[in-house]
Amino acid sequence: MEQEKERLMIQLQHAQKMEAIGTLAGGIAHDFNNILTPIIMGTEMTQRYVGADSPASAMIEKTLTAAGQARYLVQHILTFSRQNDIHISPLRIGPIIREIIKMARAILPATIEIQQDLKPENDLVWANPTQVHQVVMNLITNAAHAMRISGGKLSISLKNQSVNVSGF
């Protein structure tokens, strides 16, 4: 019985270490992703102004490829770090979206205009704030990537929506 107790104690310590490593990895990956976003967008903007025949063009393409690989690695780290339970709670989503829009305006090129329509009657949802932040930021990043050459309008809206869940 004493050996079993010691074995369980070792397993518990190992599980706690793995959880701490996952939490640390997730935090670092999230911060690194926030650093990568303006690097990628700035490089894409530079690519737009540098002609394809420029000697810098090849290096810009290599930089974008490397940044894309770094983003891919960040996604793997985030996947690893999410092995523990994700905690959701009631959350007002409007302030989070407003914060993300403010951050996006600072990093998006001037050729991309952000239009927002955030007038929810009730913006309370059950969610994880980190995941909401990541999803919205990824949507904005993907939209900006699609408009990187010609620019455009990025419309973000938050509206109440009724969902019929009777089939569940």
Protein backbone atom coordinates (compact mmCIF):
# COMPACT_ATOMS: atom_id res chain seq x y z
CA MET A 1 0.00 0.00 0.00
CA GLU A 2 2.89 2.34 0.76
CA GLN A 3 4.44 1.65 -2.67
CA GLU A 4 1.12 2.37 -4.37
CA LYS A 5 0.82 5.65 -2.47
CA GLU A 6 4.33 6.66 -3.55
CA ARG A 7 3.62 5.70 -7.17
CA LEU A 8 0.45 7.82 -7.17
CA MET A 9 2.36 10.73 -5.63
CA ILE A 10 4.95 10.55 -8.41
CA GLN A 11 2.18 10.47 -11.03
CA LEU A 12 0.52 13.50 -9.45
CA GLN A 13 3.78 15.45 -9.43
CA HIS A 14 4.37 14.53 -13.07
CA ALA A 15 0.84 15.64 -14.03
CA GLN A 16 1.33 18.95 -12.20
CA LYS A 17 4.65 19.54 -13.99
CA MET A 18 3.05 18.80 -17.36
CA GLU A 19 0.18 21.18 -16.59
CA ALA A 20 2.65 23.93 -15.62
CA ILE A 21 4.64 23.36 -18.82
CA GLY A 22 1.44 23.51 -20.88
CA THR A 23 0.38 26.75 -19.22
CA LEU A 24 3.82 28.29 -19.75
CA ALA A 25 3.95 27.11 -23.37
CA GLY A 26 0.48 28.52 -24.04
CA GLY A 27 1.41 31.91 -22.60
CA ILE A 28 4.63 32.10 -24.57
CA ALA A 29 2.90 30.97 -27.77
CA HIS A 30 0.14 33.56 -27.32
CA ASP A 31 2.69 36.35 -26.78
CA PHE A 32 4.79 35.14 -29.71
CA ASN A 33 1.71 35.10 -31.94
CA ASN A 34 1.01 38.72 -30.96
CA ILE A 35 4.59 39.60 -31.98
CA LEU A 36 4.32 37.70 -35.28
CA THR A 37 1.13 39.40 -36.45
CA PRO A 38 2.61 42.89 -37.05
CA ILE A 39 5.79 41.34 -38.49
CA ILE A 40 3.78 39.42 -41.07
CA MET A 41 1.49 42.34 -41.88
CA GLY A 42 4.40 44.78 -42.12
CA THR A 43 6.29 42.42 -44.39
CA GLU A 44 3.23 41.93 -46.57
CA MET A 45 2.78 45.69 -46.78
CA THR A 46 6.46 46.09 -47.74
CA GLN A 47 6.02 43.38 -50.37
CA ARG A 48 3.23 45.41 -51.93
CA TYR A 49 5.48 48.45 -52.37
CA VAL A 50 8.58 46.59 -53.56
CA GLY A 51 8.50 45.43 -57.14
CA ALA A 52 8.90 41.76 -58.00
CA ASP A 53 12.12 42.61 -59.86
CA SER A 54 13.68 44.19 -56.76
CA PRO A 55 16.59 42.38 -55.10
CA ALA A 56 14.65 42.69 -51.82
CA SER A 57 11.69 40.76 -53.22
CA ALA A 58 13.24 37.32 -52.68
CA MET A 59 14.17 38.15 -49.08
CA ILE A 60 10.67 39.46 -48.37
CA GLU A 61 9.22 36.20 -49.67
CA LYS A 62 11.64 34.19 -47.48
CA THR A 63 10.65 36.31 -44.49
CA LEU A 64 6.95 35.65 -45.09
CA THR A 65 7.60 31.93 -45.49
CA ALA A 66 9.59 31.81 -42.24
CA ALA A 67 6.92 33.83 -40.39
CA GLY A 68 4.24 31.46 -41.70
CA GLN A 69 6.24 28.51 -40.41
CA ALA A 70 6.61 30.24 -37.05
CA ARG A 71 2.85 30.80 -36.90
CA TYR A 72 2.31 27.12 -37.71
CA LEU A 73 4.60 26.16 -34.80
CA VAL A 74 2.72 28.53 -32.51
CA GLN A 75 -0.51 26.74 -33.40
CA HIS A 76 1.07 23.41 -32.47
CA ILE A 77 2.25 24.80 -29.15
CA LEU A 78 -1.20 26.21 -28.44
CA THR A 79 -2.73 22.83 -29.26
CA PHE A 80 -0.33 21.18 -26.81
CA SER A 81 -1.05 23.72 -24.11
CA ARG A 82 -4.82 23.17 -24.36
CA GLN A 83 -4.66 19.59 -23.12
CA ASN A 84 -6.04 20.71 -19.78
CA ASP A 85 -9.65 21.76 -19.25
CA ILE A 86 -10.78 24.99 -20.83
CA HIS A 87 -12.76 27.11 -18.42
CA ILE A 88 -15.74 28.98 -19.76
CA SER A 89 -17.85 31.49 -17.95
CA PRO A 90 -20.38 34.24 -18.69
CA LEU A 91 -18.55 36.87 -20.69
CA ARG A 92 -19.45 40.20 -22.26
CA ILE A 93 -18.04 39.80 -25.75
CA GLY A 94 -18.45 43.43 -26.93
CA PRO A 95 -15.55 44.89 -24.90
CA ILE A 96 -13.24 42.10 -26.07
CA ILE A 97 -14.10 42.76 -29.72
CA ARG A 98 -13.61 46.52 -29.24
CA GLU A 99 -10.15 45.87 -27.73
CA ILE A 100 -9.20 43.61 -30.64
CA ILE A 101 -10.36 46.20 -33.19
CA LYS A 102 -8.24 48.86 -31.48
CA MET A 103 -5.21 46.58 -31.65
CA ALA A 104 -5.95 45.61 -35.26
CA ARG A 105 -6.15 49.26 -36.36
CA ALA A 106 -2.61 49.74 -35.10
CA ILE A 107 -1.19 46.84 -37.11
CA LEU A 108 -3.29 46.75 -40.29
CA PRO A 109 -2.03 48.66 -43.31
CA ALA A 110 -3.77 51.95 -44.11
CA THR A 111 -5.24 50.37 -47.25
CA ILE A 112 -7.56 48.28 -45.07
CA GLU A 113 -10.43 50.19 -43.51
CA ILE A 114 -12.18 48.70 -40.48
CA GLN A 115 -15.93 49.25 -40.23
CA GLN A 116 -17.64 48.17 -37.05
CA ASP A 117 -21.25 47.71 -36.04
CA LEU A 118 -21.24 46.63 -32.40
CA LYS A 119 -24.74 47.30 -31.07
CA PRO A 120 -25.79 44.18 -29.24
CA GLU A 121 -28.74 44.30 -26.90
CA ASN A 122 -27.17 41.56 -24.85
CA ASP A 123 -23.56 40.55 -25.53
CA LEU A 124 -23.33 37.98 -22.76
CA VAL A 125 -22.04 34.59 -23.91
CA TRP A 126 -20.61 31.47 -22.30
CA ALA A 127 -17.01 31.40 -23.54
CA ASN A 128 -13.34 31.45 -22.72
CA PRO A 129 -12.01 35.02 -23.19
CA THR A 130 -8.64 33.82 -24.51
CA GLN A 131 -10.30 31.66 -27.13
CA VAL A 132 -12.68 34.46 -28.17
CA HIS A 133 -9.71 36.81 -28.51
CA GLN A 134 -7.78 34.27 -30.55
CA VAL A 135 -10.70 33.43 -32.87
CA VAL A 136 -11.56 37.08 -33.61
CA MET A 137 -7.90 38.01 -34.10
CA ASN A 138 -7.43 35.05 -36.45
CA LEU A 139 -10.50 36.10 -38.46
CA ILE A 140 -9.16 39.65 -38.77
CA THR A 141 -5.70 38.39 -39.72
CA ASN A 142 -7.14 36.08 -42.37
CA ALA A 143 -9.31 38.86 -43.79
CA ALA A 144 -6.34 41.25 -43.86
CA HIS A 145 -4.25 38.60 -45.60
CA ALA A 146 -6.93 38.25 -48.28
CA MET A 147 -6.89 42.06 -48.80
CA ARG A 148 -3.12 42.50 -48.59
CA ILE A 149 -2.65 43.36 -52.26
CA SER A 150 -5.57 45.62 -53.07
CA GLY A 151 -6.79 46.72 -49.63
CA GLY A 152 -10.45 46.96 -48.80
CA LYS A 153 -13.04 47.23 -46.05
CA LEU A 154 -13.07 44.87 -43.11
CA SER A 155 -16.56 44.84 -41.60
CA ILE A 156 -17.01 43.58 -38.05
CA SER A 157 -20.46 43.36 -36.54
CA LEU A 158 -21.93 42.02 -33.34
CA LYS A 159 -25.63 41.31 -33.41
CA ASN A 160 -28.05 39.22 -31.42
CA GLN A 161 -28.92 35.96 -33.08
CA SER A 162 -31.51 33.40 -32.03
CA VAL A 163 -30.46 29.83 -32.53
CA ASN A 164 -32.88 26.92 -32.51
CA VAL A 165 -31.23 24.15 -30.52
CA SER A 166 -34.27 21.88 -30.25
CA GLY A 167 -32.54 19.23 -32.36
CA PHE A 168 -29.88 18.67 -29.70
